[in-house]
PDB file of all heavy atoms in Angstrom:
ATOM      1  N   ALA A   1       0.833  -1.149   0.034  1.00  0.00           N
ATOM      2  CA  ALA A   1      -0.042   0.006  -0.020  1.00  0.00           C
ATOM      3  C   ALA A   1       0.877   1.255  -0.024  1.00  0.00           C
ATOM      4  O   ALA A   1       1.988   1.221   0.508  1.00  0.00           O
ATOM      5  CB  ALA A   1      -0.942   0.019   1.255  1.00  0.00           C
ATOM      6  N   GLY A   2       0.351   2.280  -0.630  1.00  0.00           N
ATOM      7  CA  GLY A   2       1.083   3.578  -0.616  1.00  0.00           C
ATOM      8  C   GLY A   2       0.137   4.756  -0.495  1.00  0.00           C
ATOM      9  O   GLY A   2      -1.026   4.643  -0.742  1.00  0.00           O
ATOM     10  N   ILE A   3       0.703   5.840  -0.057  1.00  0.00           N
ATOM     11  CA  ILE A   3      -0.127   7.070   0.210  1.00  0.00           C
ATOM     12  C   ILE A   3       0.778   8.271  -0.145  1.00  0.00           C
ATOM     13  O   ILE A   3       1.932   8.297   0.234  1.00  0.00           O
ATOM     14  CB  ILE A   3      -0.685   7.092   1.594  1.00  0.00           C
ATOM     15  CG1 ILE A   3      -1.639   8.246   1.809  1.00  0.00           C
ATOM     16  CG2 ILE A   3       0.496   7.136   2.655  1.00  0.00           C
ATOM     17  CD1 ILE A   3      -2.468   8.086   3.111  1.00  0.00           C
ATOM     18  N   THR A   4       0.197   9.276  -0.740  1.00  0.00           N
ATOM     19  CA  THR A   4       0.945  10.484  -1.082  1.00  0.00           C
ATOM     20  C   THR A   4       1.071  11.401   0.190  1.00  0.00           C
ATOM     21  O   THR A   4       0.501  11.112   1.270  1.00  0.00           O
ATOM     22  CB  THR A   4       0.246  11.320  -2.201  1.00  0.00           C
ATOM     23  OG1 THR A   4      -1.090  11.547  -1.799  1.00  0.00           O
ATOM     24  CG2 THR A   4       0.293  10.492  -3.468  1.00  0.00           C
ATOM     25  N   TRP A   5       1.822  12.464   0.057  1.00  0.00           N
ATOM     26  CA  TRP A   5       2.245  13.257   1.222  1.00  0.00           C
ATOM     27  C   TRP A   5       1.023  13.787   1.968  1.00  0.00           C
ATOM     28  O   TRP A   5       1.087  13.930   3.221  1.00  0.00           O
ATOM     29  CB  TRP A   5       3.121  14.395   0.738  1.00  0.00           C
ATOM     30  CG  TRP A   5       2.433  15.378  -0.153  1.00  0.00           C
ATOM     31  CD1 TRP A   5       1.767  16.505   0.187  1.00  0.00           C
ATOM     32  CD2 TRP A   5       2.359  15.340  -1.611  1.00  0.00           C
ATOM     33  NE1 TRP A   5       1.266  17.171  -0.970  1.00  0.00           N
ATOM     34  CE2 TRP A   5       1.628  16.376  -1.992  1.00  0.00           C
ATOM     35  CE3 TRP A   5       2.845  14.439  -2.528  1.00  0.00           C
ATOM     36  CZ2 TRP A   5       1.352  16.646  -3.401  1.00  0.00           C
ATOM     37  CZ3 TRP A   5       2.601  14.644  -3.936  1.00  0.00           C
ATOM     38  CH2 TRP A   5       1.894  15.696  -4.306  1.00  0.00           C
ATOM     39  N   SER A   6      -0.073  14.135   1.330  1.00  0.00           N
ATOM     40  CA  SER A   6      -1.228  14.721   1.962  1.00  0.00           C
ATOM     41  C   SER A   6      -2.299  13.690   2.230  1.00  0.00           C
ATOM     42  O   SER A   6      -3.316  13.995   2.924  1.00  0.00           O
ATOM     43  CB  SER A   6      -1.835  15.844   1.145  1.00  0.00           C
ATOM     44  OG  SER A   6      -2.272  15.345  -0.116  1.00  0.00           O
ATOM     45  N   GLY A   7      -2.127  12.486   1.742  1.00  0.00           N
ATOM     46  CA  GLY A   7      -3.140  11.421   1.861  1.00  0.00           C
ATOM     47  C   GLY A   7      -4.212  11.462   0.831  1.00  0.00           C
ATOM     48  O   GLY A   7      -5.145  10.692   0.893  1.00  0.00           O
ATOM     49  N   GLN A   8      -4.036  12.339  -0.184  1.00  0.00           N
ATOM     50  CA  GLN A   8      -5.107  12.492  -1.189  1.00  0.00           C
ATOM     51  C   GLN A   8      -5.178  11.349  -2.142  1.00  0.00           C
ATOM     52  O   GLN A   8      -6.237  11.143  -2.824  1.00  0.00           O
ATOM     53  CB  GLN A   8      -4.889  13.795  -1.967  1.00  0.00           C
ATOM     54  CG  GLN A   8      -3.591  13.851  -2.747  1.00  0.00           C
ATOM     55  CD  GLN A   8      -3.199  15.220  -3.138  1.00  0.00           C
ATOM     56  OE1 GLN A   8      -2.978  16.109  -2.289  1.00  0.00           O
ATOM     57  NE2 GLN A   8      -3.079  15.478  -4.430  1.00  0.00           N
ATOM     58  N   ASN A   9      -4.109  10.624  -2.298  1.00  0.00           N
ATOM     59  CA  ASN A   9      -4.107   9.448  -3.218  1.00  0.00           C
ATOM     60  C   ASN A   9      -3.563   8.241  -2.441  1.00  0.00           C
ATOM     61  O   ASN A   9      -2.635   8.380  -1.711  1.00  0.00           O
ATOM     62  CB  ASN A   9      -3.212   9.720  -4.424  1.00  0.00           C
ATOM     63  CG  ASN A   9      -3.741  10.859  -5.250  1.00  0.00           C
ATOM     64  OD1 ASN A   9      -3.103  11.908  -5.334  1.00  0.00           O
ATOM     65  ND2 ASN A   9      -4.888  10.692  -5.864  1.00  0.00           N
ATOM     66  N   THR A  10      -4.162   7.137  -2.712  1.00  0.00           N
ATOM     67  CA  THR A  10      -3.704   5.889  -2.126  1.00  0.00           C
ATOM     68  C   THR A  10      -3.652   4.827  -3.219  1.00  0.00           C
ATOM     69  O   THR A  10      -4.293   4.949  -4.313  1.00  0.00           O
ATOM     70  CB  THR A  10      -4.608   5.347  -0.986  1.00  0.00           C
ATOM     71  OG1 THR A  10      -5.964   5.186  -1.500  1.00  0.00           O
ATOM     72  CG2 THR A  10      -4.615   6.347   0.099  1.00  0.00           C
ATOM     73  N   ARG A  11      -2.804   3.772  -3.008  1.00  0.00           N
ATOM     74  CA  ARG A  11      -2.701   2.690  -3.977  1.00  0.00           C
ATOM     75  C   ARG A  11      -2.491   1.413  -3.217  1.00  0.00           C
ATOM     76  O   ARG A  11      -1.842   1.396  -2.137  1.00  0.00           O
ATOM     77  CB  ARG A  11      -1.456   2.952  -4.867  1.00  0.00           C
ATOM     78  CG  ARG A  11      -1.165   1.874  -5.841  1.00  0.00           C
ATOM     79  CD  ARG A  11       0.087   2.208  -6.581  1.00  0.00           C
ATOM     80  NE  ARG A  11       0.640   1.071  -7.313  1.00  0.00           N
ATOM     81  CZ  ARG A  11       0.187   0.771  -8.646  1.00  0.00           C
ATOM     82  NH1 ARG A  11      -0.649   1.492  -9.229  1.00  0.00           N
ATOM     83  NH2 ARG A  11       0.787  -0.295  -9.160  1.00  0.00           N
ATOM     84  N   TYR A  12      -3.127   0.321  -3.729  1.00  0.00           N
ATOM     85  CA  TYR A  12      -3.024  -0.969  -3.046  1.00  0.00           C
ATOM     86  C   TYR A  12      -2.715  -2.142  -4.078  1.00  0.00           C
ATOM     87  O   TYR A  12      -3.145  -1.970  -5.225  1.00  0.00           O
ATOM     88  CB  TYR A  12      -4.338  -1.361  -2.344  1.00  0.00           C
ATOM     89  CG  TYR A  12      -4.764  -0.349  -1.282  1.00  0.00           C
ATOM     90  CD1 TYR A  12      -5.564   0.751  -1.659  1.00  0.00           C
ATOM     91  CD2 TYR A  12      -4.338  -0.530   0.039  1.00  0.00           C
ATOM     92  CE1 TYR A  12      -5.971   1.600  -0.636  1.00  0.00           C
ATOM     93  CE2 TYR A  12      -4.741   0.400   0.981  1.00  0.00           C
ATOM     94  CZ  TYR A  12      -5.503   1.412   0.621  1.00  0.00           C
ATOM     95  OH  TYR A  12      -5.904   2.361   1.585  1.00  0.00           O
ATOM     96  N   VAL A  13      -1.972  -3.087  -3.624  1.00  0.00           N
ATOM     97  CA  VAL A  13      -1.835  -4.274  -4.401  1.00  0.00           C
ATOM     98  C   VAL A  13      -3.203  -4.948  -4.445  1.00  0.00           C
ATOM     99  O   VAL A  13      -3.978  -4.880  -3.479  1.00  0.00           O
ATOM    100  CB  VAL A  13      -0.725  -5.157  -3.862  1.00  0.00           C
ATOM    101  CG1 VAL A  13      -1.109  -5.752  -2.528  1.00  0.00           C
ATOM    102  CG2 VAL A  13      -0.368  -6.302  -4.839  1.00  0.00           C
ATOM    103  N   ASP A  14      -3.519  -5.628  -5.550  1.00  0.00           N
ATOM    104  CA  ASP A  14      -4.834  -6.206  -5.706  1.00  0.00           C
ATOM    105  C   ASP A  14      -5.248  -7.136  -4.622  1.00  0.00           C
ATOM    106  O   ASP A  14      -6.440  -7.192  -4.224  1.00  0.00           O
ATOM    107  CB  ASP A  14      -4.943  -6.931  -7.050  1.00  0.00           C
ATOM    108  CG  ASP A  14      -4.964  -5.973  -8.261  1.00  0.00           C
ATOM    109  OD1 ASP A  14      -5.286  -4.795  -8.052  1.00  0.00           O
ATOM    110  OD2 ASP A  14      -4.838  -6.438  -9.383  1.00  0.00           O
ATOM    111  N   SER A  15      -4.308  -7.856  -4.068  1.00  0.00           N
ATOM    112  CA  SER A  15      -4.663  -8.890  -3.131  1.00  0.00           C
ATOM    113  C   SER A  15      -5.140  -8.393  -1.774  1.00  0.00           C
ATOM    114  O   SER A  15      -5.716  -9.129  -0.979  1.00  0.00           O
ATOM    115  CB  SER A  15      -3.395  -9.805  -2.887  1.00  0.00           C
ATOM    116  OG  SER A  15      -2.317  -9.115  -2.339  1.00  0.00           O
ATOM    117  N   VAL A  16      -4.972  -7.124  -1.480  1.00  0.00           N
ATOM    118  CA  VAL A  16      -5.361  -6.498  -0.233  1.00  0.00           C
ATOM    119  C   VAL A  16      -6.441  -5.497  -0.388  1.00  0.00           C
ATOM    120  O   VAL A  16      -6.962  -5.007   0.644  1.00  0.00           O
ATOM    121  CB  VAL A  16      -4.182  -5.901   0.560  1.00  0.00           C
ATOM    122  CG1 VAL A  16      -3.021  -6.940   0.726  1.00  0.00           C
ATOM    123  CG2 VAL A  16      -3.740  -4.594  -0.060  1.00  0.00           C
ATOM    124  N   LYS A  17      -6.906  -5.157  -1.632  1.00  0.00           N
ATOM    125  CA  LYS A  17      -7.950  -4.195  -1.793  1.00  0.00           C
ATOM    126  C   LYS A  17      -9.236  -4.646  -1.104  1.00  0.00           C
ATOM    127  O   LYS A  17      -9.640  -5.767  -1.152  1.00  0.00           O
ATOM    128  CB  LYS A  17      -8.187  -4.015  -3.296  1.00  0.00           C
ATOM    129  CG  LYS A  17      -7.089  -3.278  -4.049  1.00  0.00           C
ATOM    130  CD  LYS A  17      -7.385  -3.117  -5.469  1.00  0.00           C
ATOM    131  CE  LYS A  17      -6.296  -2.354  -6.217  1.00  0.00           C
ATOM    132  NZ  LYS A  17      -6.564  -2.225  -7.640  1.00  0.00           N
ATOM    133  N   GLY A  18      -9.791  -3.663  -0.387  1.00  0.00           N
ATOM    134  CA  GLY A  18     -11.021  -3.911   0.398  1.00  0.00           C
ATOM    135  C   GLY A  18     -10.771  -4.444   1.752  1.00  0.00           C
ATOM    136  O   GLY A  18     -11.711  -4.518   2.546  1.00  0.00           O
ATOM    137  N   ARG A  19      -9.538  -4.861   2.039  1.00  0.00           N
ATOM    138  CA  ARG A  19      -9.212  -5.435   3.380  1.00  0.00           C
ATOM    139  C   ARG A  19      -8.211  -4.507   4.165  1.00  0.00           C
ATOM    140  O   ARG A  19      -8.346  -4.413   5.334  1.00  0.00           O
ATOM    141  CB  ARG A  19      -8.599  -6.769   3.205  1.00  0.00           C
ATOM    142  CG  ARG A  19      -9.529  -7.790   2.609  1.00  0.00           C
ATOM    143  CD  ARG A  19      -8.942  -9.218   2.673  1.00  0.00           C
ATOM    144  NE  ARG A  19      -7.703  -9.353   1.960  1.00  0.00           N
ATOM    145  CZ  ARG A  19      -6.508  -9.681   2.526  1.00  0.00           C
ATOM    146  NH1 ARG A  19      -6.478  -9.987   3.872  1.00  0.00           N
ATOM    147  NH2 ARG A  19      -5.457  -9.842   1.831  1.00  0.00           N
ATOM    148  N   PHE A  20      -7.315  -3.899   3.424  1.00  0.00           N
ATOM    149  CA  PHE A  20      -6.293  -3.022   4.076  1.00  0.00           C
ATOM    150  C   PHE A  20      -6.608  -1.575   3.790  1.00  0.00           C
ATOM    151  O   PHE A  20      -7.093  -1.235   2.679  1.00  0.00           O
ATOM    152  CB  PHE A  20      -4.881  -3.359   3.580  1.00  0.00           C
ATOM    153  CG  PHE A  20      -4.346  -4.742   3.997  1.00  0.00           C
ATOM    154  CD1 PHE A  20      -5.153  -5.624   4.585  1.00  0.00           C
ATOM    155  CD2 PHE A  20      -3.025  -4.996   3.752  1.00  0.00           C
ATOM    156  CE1 PHE A  20      -4.642  -6.924   4.977  1.00  0.00           C
ATOM    157  CE2 PHE A  20      -2.511  -6.149   4.141  1.00  0.00           C
ATOM    158  CZ  PHE A  20      -3.326  -7.124   4.728  1.00  0.00           C
ATOM    159  N   THR A  21      -6.258  -0.700   4.693  1.00  0.00           N
ATOM    160  CA  THR A  21      -6.404   0.753   4.509  1.00  0.00           C
ATOM    161  C   THR A  21      -5.137   1.461   5.079  1.00  0.00           C
ATOM    162  O   THR A  21      -4.757   1.268   6.169  1.00  0.00           O
ATOM    163  CB  THR A  21      -7.615   1.298   5.314  1.00  0.00           C
ATOM    164  OG1 THR A  21      -8.838   0.624   4.824  1.00  0.00           O
ATOM    165  CG2 THR A  21      -7.773   2.833   4.971  1.00  0.00           C
ATOM    166  N   ILE A  22      -4.556   2.227   4.178  1.00  0.00           N
ATOM    167  CA  ILE A  22      -3.382   3.016   4.584  1.00  0.00           C
ATOM    168  C   ILE A  22      -3.832   4.447   4.903  1.00  0.00           C
ATOM    169  O   ILE A  22      -4.737   4.980   4.210  1.00  0.00           O
ATOM    170  CB  ILE A  22      -2.323   3.022   3.487  1.00  0.00           C
ATOM    171  CG1 ILE A  22      -1.018   3.704   3.979  1.00  0.00           C
ATOM    172  CG2 ILE A  22      -2.768   3.661   2.191  1.00  0.00           C
ATOM    173  CD1 ILE A  22       0.135   3.442   3.039  1.00  0.00           C
ATOM    174  N   SER A  23      -3.308   5.046   5.879  1.00  0.00           N
ATOM    175  CA  SER A  23      -3.617   6.381   6.211  1.00  0.00           C
ATOM    176  C   SER A  23      -2.414   7.067   6.902  1.00  0.00           C
ATOM    177  O   SER A  23      -1.370   6.339   7.204  1.00  0.00           O
ATOM    178  CB  SER A  23      -4.844   6.442   7.253  1.00  0.00           C
ATOM    179  OG  SER A  23      -4.485   5.737   8.394  1.00  0.00           O
ATOM    180  N   ARG A  24      -2.465   8.379   7.122  1.00  0.00           N
ATOM    181  CA  ARG A  24      -1.293   9.024   7.721  1.00  0.00           C
ATOM    182  C   ARG A  24      -1.792  10.222   8.601  1.00  0.00           C
ATOM    183  O   ARG A  24      -2.884  10.746   8.318  1.00  0.00           O
ATOM    184  CB  ARG A  24      -0.327   9.547   6.671  1.00  0.00           C
ATOM    185  CG  ARG A  24      -0.839  10.557   5.692  1.00  0.00           C
ATOM    186  CD  ARG A  24       0.094  10.794   4.582  1.00  0.00           C
ATOM    187  NE  ARG A  24       1.386  11.260   4.998  1.00  0.00           N
ATOM    188  CZ  ARG A  24       2.524  11.151   4.205  1.00  0.00           C
ATOM    189  NH1 ARG A  24       2.446  10.593   3.024  1.00  0.00           N
ATOM    190  NH2 ARG A  24       3.667  11.603   4.703  1.00  0.00           N
ATOM    191  N   ASP A  25      -0.987  10.575   9.563  1.00  0.00           N
ATOM    192  CA  ASP A  25      -1.133  11.731  10.386  1.00  0.00           C
ATOM    193  C   ASP A  25       0.087  12.550  10.394  1.00  0.00           C
ATOM    194  O   ASP A  25       1.095  12.169  11.049  1.00  0.00           O
ATOM    195  CB  ASP A  25      -1.637  11.323  11.803  1.00  0.00           C
ATOM    196  CG  ASP A  25      -1.910  12.482  12.687  1.00  0.00           C
ATOM    197  OD1 ASP A  25      -1.657  13.635  12.318  1.00  0.00           O
ATOM    198  OD2 ASP A  25      -2.522  12.284  13.730  1.00  0.00           O
ATOM    199  N   ASN A  26       0.123  13.550   9.543  1.00  0.00           N
ATOM    200  CA  ASN A  26       1.321  14.354   9.426  1.00  0.00           C
ATOM    201  C   ASN A  26       1.676  15.126  10.700  1.00  0.00           C
ATOM    202  O   ASN A  26       2.856  15.537  10.868  1.00  0.00           O
ATOM    203  CB  ASN A  26       1.248  15.302   8.170  1.00  0.00           C
ATOM    204  CG  ASN A  26       1.336  14.538   6.881  1.00  0.00           C
ATOM    205  OD1 ASN A  26       1.598  13.380   6.890  1.00  0.00           O
ATOM    206  ND2 ASN A  26       1.122  15.241   5.799  1.00  0.00           N
ATOM    207  N   THR A  27       0.783  15.361  11.512  1.00  0.00           N
ATOM    208  CA  THR A  27       1.101  16.087  12.806  1.00  0.00           C
ATOM    209  C   THR A  27       1.850  15.162  13.777  1.00  0.00           C
ATOM    210  O   THR A  27       2.499  15.635  14.708  1.00  0.00           O
ATOM    211  CB  THR A  27      -0.136  16.573  13.497  1.00  0.00           C
ATOM    212  OG1 THR A  27      -1.016  15.443  13.965  1.00  0.00           O
ATOM    213  CG2 THR A  27      -0.981  17.432  12.585  1.00  0.00           C
ATOM    214  N   ARG A  28       1.745  13.845  13.577  1.00  0.00           N
ATOM    215  CA  ARG A  28       2.485  12.853  14.383  1.00  0.00           C
ATOM    216  C   ARG A  28       3.536  12.144  13.636  1.00  0.00           C
ATOM    217  O   ARG A  28       4.134  11.172  14.161  1.00  0.00           O
ATOM    218  CB  ARG A  28       1.466  11.849  14.980  1.00  0.00           C
ATOM    219  CG  ARG A  28       0.506  12.425  15.926  1.00  0.00           C
ATOM    220  CD  ARG A  28      -0.488  11.432  16.441  1.00  0.00           C
ATOM    221  NE  ARG A  28      -1.149  11.858  17.687  1.00  0.00           N
ATOM    222  CZ  ARG A  28      -2.297  12.600  17.671  1.00  0.00           C
ATOM    223  NH1 ARG A  28      -2.753  13.067  16.495  1.00  0.00           N
ATOM    224  NH2 ARG A  28      -2.806  13.028  18.778  1.00  0.00           N
ATOM    225  N   ASN A  29       3.813  12.520  12.434  1.00  0.00           N
ATOM    226  CA  ASN A  29       4.862  11.897  11.539  1.00  0.00           C
ATOM    227  C   ASN A  29       4.637  10.341  11.535  1.00  0.00           C
ATOM    228  O   ASN A  29       5.562   9.558  11.623  1.00  0.00           O
ATOM    229  CB  ASN A  29       6.264  12.205  12.072  1.00  0.00           C
ATOM    230  CG  ASN A  29       6.588  13.639  11.825  1.00  0.00           C
ATOM    231  OD1 ASN A  29       6.102  14.329  10.904  1.00  0.00           O
ATOM    232  ND2 ASN A  29       7.546  14.086  12.685  1.00  0.00           N
ATOM    233  N   THR A  30       3.416   9.961  11.388  1.00  0.00           N
ATOM    234  CA  THR A  30       3.037   8.609  11.461  1.00  0.00           C
ATOM    235  C   THR A  30       2.143   8.122  10.285  1.00  0.00           C
ATOM    236  O   THR A  30       1.214   8.860   9.889  1.00  0.00           O
ATOM    237  CB  THR A  30       2.247   8.235  12.790  1.00  0.00           C
ATOM    238  OG1 THR A  30       3.023   8.659  13.832  1.00  0.00           O
ATOM    239  CG2 THR A  30       1.969   6.817  12.882  1.00  0.00           C
ATOM    240  N   VAL A  31       2.438   6.945   9.720  1.00  0.00           N
ATOM    241  CA  VAL A  31       1.636   6.331   8.760  1.00  0.00           C
ATOM    242  C   VAL A  31       1.143   5.020   9.285  1.00  0.00           C
ATOM    243  O   VAL A  31       1.878   4.335  10.049  1.00  0.00           O
ATOM    244  CB  VAL A  31       2.436   6.115   7.446  1.00  0.00           C
ATOM    245  CG1 VAL A  31       3.646   5.154   7.561  1.00  0.00           C
ATOM    246  CG2 VAL A  31       1.581   5.582   6.298  1.00  0.00           C
ATOM    247  N   TYR A  32      -0.017   4.605   8.940  1.00  0.00           N
ATOM    248  CA  TYR A  32      -0.717   3.442   9.455  1.00  0.00           C
ATOM    249  C   TYR A  32      -1.091   2.477   8.363  1.00  0.00           C
ATOM    250  O   TYR A  32      -1.292   2.873   7.224  1.00  0.00           O
ATOM    251  CB  TYR A  32      -2.015   3.782  10.210  1.00  0.00           C
ATOM    252  CG  TYR A  32      -1.806   4.857  11.245  1.00  0.00           C
ATOM    253  CD1 TYR A  32      -1.976   6.244  11.048  1.00  0.00           C
ATOM    254  CD2 TYR A  32      -1.398   4.472  12.591  1.00  0.00           C
ATOM    255  CE1 TYR A  32      -1.778   7.166  12.015  1.00  0.00           C
ATOM    256  CE2 TYR A  32      -1.250   5.409  13.630  1.00  0.00           C
ATOM    257  CZ  TYR A  32      -1.430   6.772  13.308  1.00  0.00           C
ATOM    258  OH  TYR A  32      -1.215   7.739  14.285  1.00  0.00           O
ATOM    259  N   LEU A  33      -1.262   1.244   8.723  1.00  0.00           N
ATOM    260  CA  LEU A  33      -1.860   0.236   7.860  1.00  0.00           C
ATOM    261  C   LEU A  33      -2.850  -0.600   8.636  1.00  0.00           C
ATOM    262  O   LEU A  33      -2.467  -1.418   9.494  1.00  0.00           O
ATOM    263  CB  LEU A  33      -0.765  -0.672   7.235  1.00  0.00           C
ATOM    264  CG  LEU A  33      -1.312  -1.680   6.172  1.00  0.00           C
ATOM    265  CD1 LEU A  33      -1.846  -0.922   4.948  1.00  0.00           C
ATOM    266  CD2 LEU A  33      -0.248  -2.672   5.808  1.00  0.00           C
ATOM    267  N   GLN A  34      -4.120  -0.343   8.425  1.00  0.00           N
ATOM    268  CA  GLN A  34      -5.132  -1.104   9.084  1.00  0.00           C
ATOM    269  C   GLN A  34      -5.389  -2.286   8.217  1.00  0.00           C
ATOM    270  O   GLN A  34      -5.788  -2.247   7.074  1.00  0.00           O
ATOM    271  CB  GLN A  34      -6.425  -0.290   9.257  1.00  0.00           C
ATOM    272  CG  GLN A  34      -7.586  -1.079   9.826  1.00  0.00           C
ATOM    273  CD  GLN A  34      -7.324  -1.403  11.289  1.00  0.00           C
ATOM    274  OE1 GLN A  34      -6.863  -0.607  12.062  1.00  0.00           O
ATOM    275  NE2 GLN A  34      -7.596  -2.702  11.619  1.00  0.00           N
ATOM    276  N   MET A  35      -5.262  -3.505   8.835  1.00  0.00           N
ATOM    277  CA  MET A  35      -5.374  -4.775   8.126  1.00  0.00           C
ATOM    278  C   MET A  35      -6.524  -5.535   8.661  1.00  0.00           C
ATOM    279  O   MET A  35      -6.507  -5.949   9.892  1.00  0.00           O
ATOM    280  CB  MET A  35      -4.068  -5.552   8.211  1.00  0.00           C
ATOM    281  CG  MET A  35      -2.850  -4.861   7.700  1.00  0.00           C
ATOM    282  SD  MET A  35      -1.405  -5.902   7.665  1.00  0.00           S
ATOM    283  CE  MET A  35      -1.162  -6.163   9.379  1.00  0.00           C
ATOM    284  N   ASN A  36      -7.554  -5.744   7.905  1.00  0.00           N
ATOM    285  CA  ASN A  36      -8.698  -6.559   8.329  1.00  0.00           C
ATOM    286  C   ASN A  36      -8.814  -7.776   7.490  1.00  0.00           C
ATOM    287  O   ASN A  36      -8.272  -7.907   6.452  1.00  0.00           O
ATOM    288  CB  ASN A  36      -9.975  -5.654   8.139  1.00  0.00           C
ATOM    289  CG  ASN A  36      -9.981  -4.425   8.940  1.00  0.00           C
ATOM    290  OD1 ASN A  36      -9.500  -4.398  10.111  1.00  0.00           O
ATOM    291  ND2 ASN A  36     -10.549  -3.342   8.452  1.00  0.00           N
ATOM    292  N   SER A  37      -9.680  -8.735   7.995  1.00  0.00           N
ATOM    293  CA  SER A  37      -9.884  -9.956   7.298  1.00  0.00           C
ATOM    294  C   SER A  37      -8.617 -10.636   6.877  1.00  0.00           C
ATOM    295  O   SER A  37      -8.458 -11.098   5.776  1.00  0.00           O
ATOM    296  CB  SER A  37     -10.800  -9.750   6.088  1.00  0.00           C
ATOM    297  OG  SER A  37     -12.059  -9.178   6.432  1.00  0.00           O
ATOM    298  N   LEU A  38      -7.687 -10.747   7.833  1.00  0.00           N
ATOM    299  CA  LEU A  38      -6.334 -11.277   7.518  1.00  0.00           C
ATOM    300  C   LEU A  38      -6.435 -12.765   7.116  1.00  0.00           C
ATOM    301  O   LEU A  38      -7.165 -13.536   7.642  1.00  0.00           O
ATOM    302  CB  LEU A  38      -5.461 -11.092   8.733  1.00  0.00           C
ATOM    303  CG  LEU A  38      -4.841  -9.643   8.871  1.00  0.00           C
ATOM    304  CD1 LEU A  38      -4.360  -9.475  10.247  1.00  0.00           C
ATOM    305  CD2 LEU A  38      -3.837  -9.373   7.856  1.00  0.00           C
ATOM    306  N   LYS A  39      -5.546 -13.095   6.184  1.00  0.00           N
ATOM    307  CA  LYS A  39      -5.454 -14.410   5.639  1.00  0.00           C
ATOM    308  C   LYS A  39      -4.050 -14.945   5.992  1.00  0.00           C
ATOM    309  O   LYS A  39      -3.131 -14.229   6.095  1.00  0.00           O
ATOM    310  CB  LYS A  39      -5.658 -14.432   4.190  1.00  0.00           C
ATOM    311  CG  LYS A  39      -6.973 -13.834   3.679  1.00  0.00           C
ATOM    312  CD  LYS A  39      -7.061 -13.733   2.237  1.00  0.00           C
ATOM    313  CE  LYS A  39      -8.354 -13.169   1.706  1.00  0.00           C
ATOM    314  NZ  LYS A  39      -8.421 -13.054   0.288  1.00  0.00           N
ATOM    315  N   PRO A  40      -3.878 -16.267   5.953  1.00  0.00           N
ATOM    316  CA  PRO A  40      -2.530 -16.813   6.246  1.00  0.00           C
ATOM    317  C   PRO A  40      -1.527 -16.312   5.227  1.00  0.00           C
ATOM    318  O   PRO A  40      -0.357 -16.109   5.590  1.00  0.00           O
ATOM    319  CB  PRO A  40      -2.733 -18.322   6.026  1.00  0.00           C
ATOM    320  CG  PRO A  40      -4.177 -18.558   6.510  1.00  0.00           C
ATOM    321  CD  PRO A  40      -4.862 -17.373   5.986  1.00  0.00           C
ATOM    322  N   GLU A  41      -1.933 -16.044   3.968  1.00  0.00           N
ATOM    323  CA  GLU A  41      -0.973 -15.586   2.985  1.00  0.00           C
ATOM    324  C   GLU A  41      -0.545 -14.152   3.229  1.00  0.00           C
ATOM    325  O   GLU A  41       0.354 -13.632   2.496  1.00  0.00           O
ATOM    326  CB  GLU A  41      -1.553 -15.733   1.558  1.00  0.00           C
ATOM    327  CG  GLU A  41      -2.931 -15.119   1.422  1.00  0.00           C
ATOM    328  CD  GLU A  41      -4.043 -16.188   1.512  1.00  0.00           C
ATOM    329  OE1 GLU A  41      -3.945 -17.031   2.457  1.00  0.00           O
ATOM    330  OE2 GLU A  41      -4.954 -16.196   0.696  1.00  0.00           O
ATOM    331  N   ASP A  42      -1.169 -13.458   4.218  1.00  0.00           N
ATOM    332  CA  ASP A  42      -0.647 -12.124   4.575  1.00  0.00           C
ATOM    333  C   ASP A  42       0.481 -12.156   5.492  1.00  0.00           C
ATOM    334  O   ASP A  42       1.069 -11.069   5.810  1.00  0.00           O
ATOM    335  CB  ASP A  42      -1.918 -11.323   5.220  1.00  0.00           C
ATOM    336  CG  ASP A  42      -2.991 -11.014   4.274  1.00  0.00           C
ATOM    337  OD1 ASP A  42      -2.750 -10.664   3.073  1.00  0.00           O
ATOM    338  OD2 ASP A  42      -4.179 -11.116   4.720  1.00  0.00           O
ATOM    339  N   ALA A  43       0.791 -13.270   6.083  1.00  0.00           N
ATOM    340  CA  ALA A  43       1.865 -13.390   7.004  1.00  0.00           C
ATOM    341  C   ALA A  43       3.174 -12.995   6.359  1.00  0.00           C
ATOM    342  O   ALA A  43       3.505 -13.529   5.263  1.00  0.00           O
ATOM    343  CB  ALA A  43       1.987 -14.768   7.561  1.00  0.00           C
ATOM    344  N   ALA A  44       3.997 -12.145   6.998  1.00  0.00           N
ATOM    345  CA  ALA A  44       5.223 -11.631   6.394  1.00  0.00           C
ATOM    346  C   ALA A  44       5.784 -10.635   7.398  1.00  0.00           C
ATOM    347  O   ALA A  44       5.160 -10.278   8.391  1.00  0.00           O
ATOM    348  CB  ALA A  44       4.951 -10.920   5.056  1.00  0.00           C
ATOM    349  N   THR A  45       6.993 -10.209   7.085  1.00  0.00           N
ATOM    350  CA  THR A  45       7.514  -9.022   7.732  1.00  0.00           C
ATOM    351  C   THR A  45       7.117  -7.833   6.987  1.00  0.00           C
ATOM    352  O   THR A  45       7.354  -7.727   5.743  1.00  0.00           O
ATOM    353  CB  THR A  45       9.058  -9.145   7.767  1.00  0.00           C
ATOM    354  OG1 THR A  45       9.455 -10.293   8.486  1.00  0.00           O
ATOM    355  CG2 THR A  45       9.624  -7.925   8.484  1.00  0.00           C
TER     356      THR A  45
END
């Protein structure tokens, strides 16, 4: 998943669309990845 500097554009690999959400909080210098409906094939570093 990817997100532009302001969060106005996002991009996802097909296999996680609808399940993962990327977001950011520039006041906290933090980017997040919310992962739902996890599958065994999502296991990774």
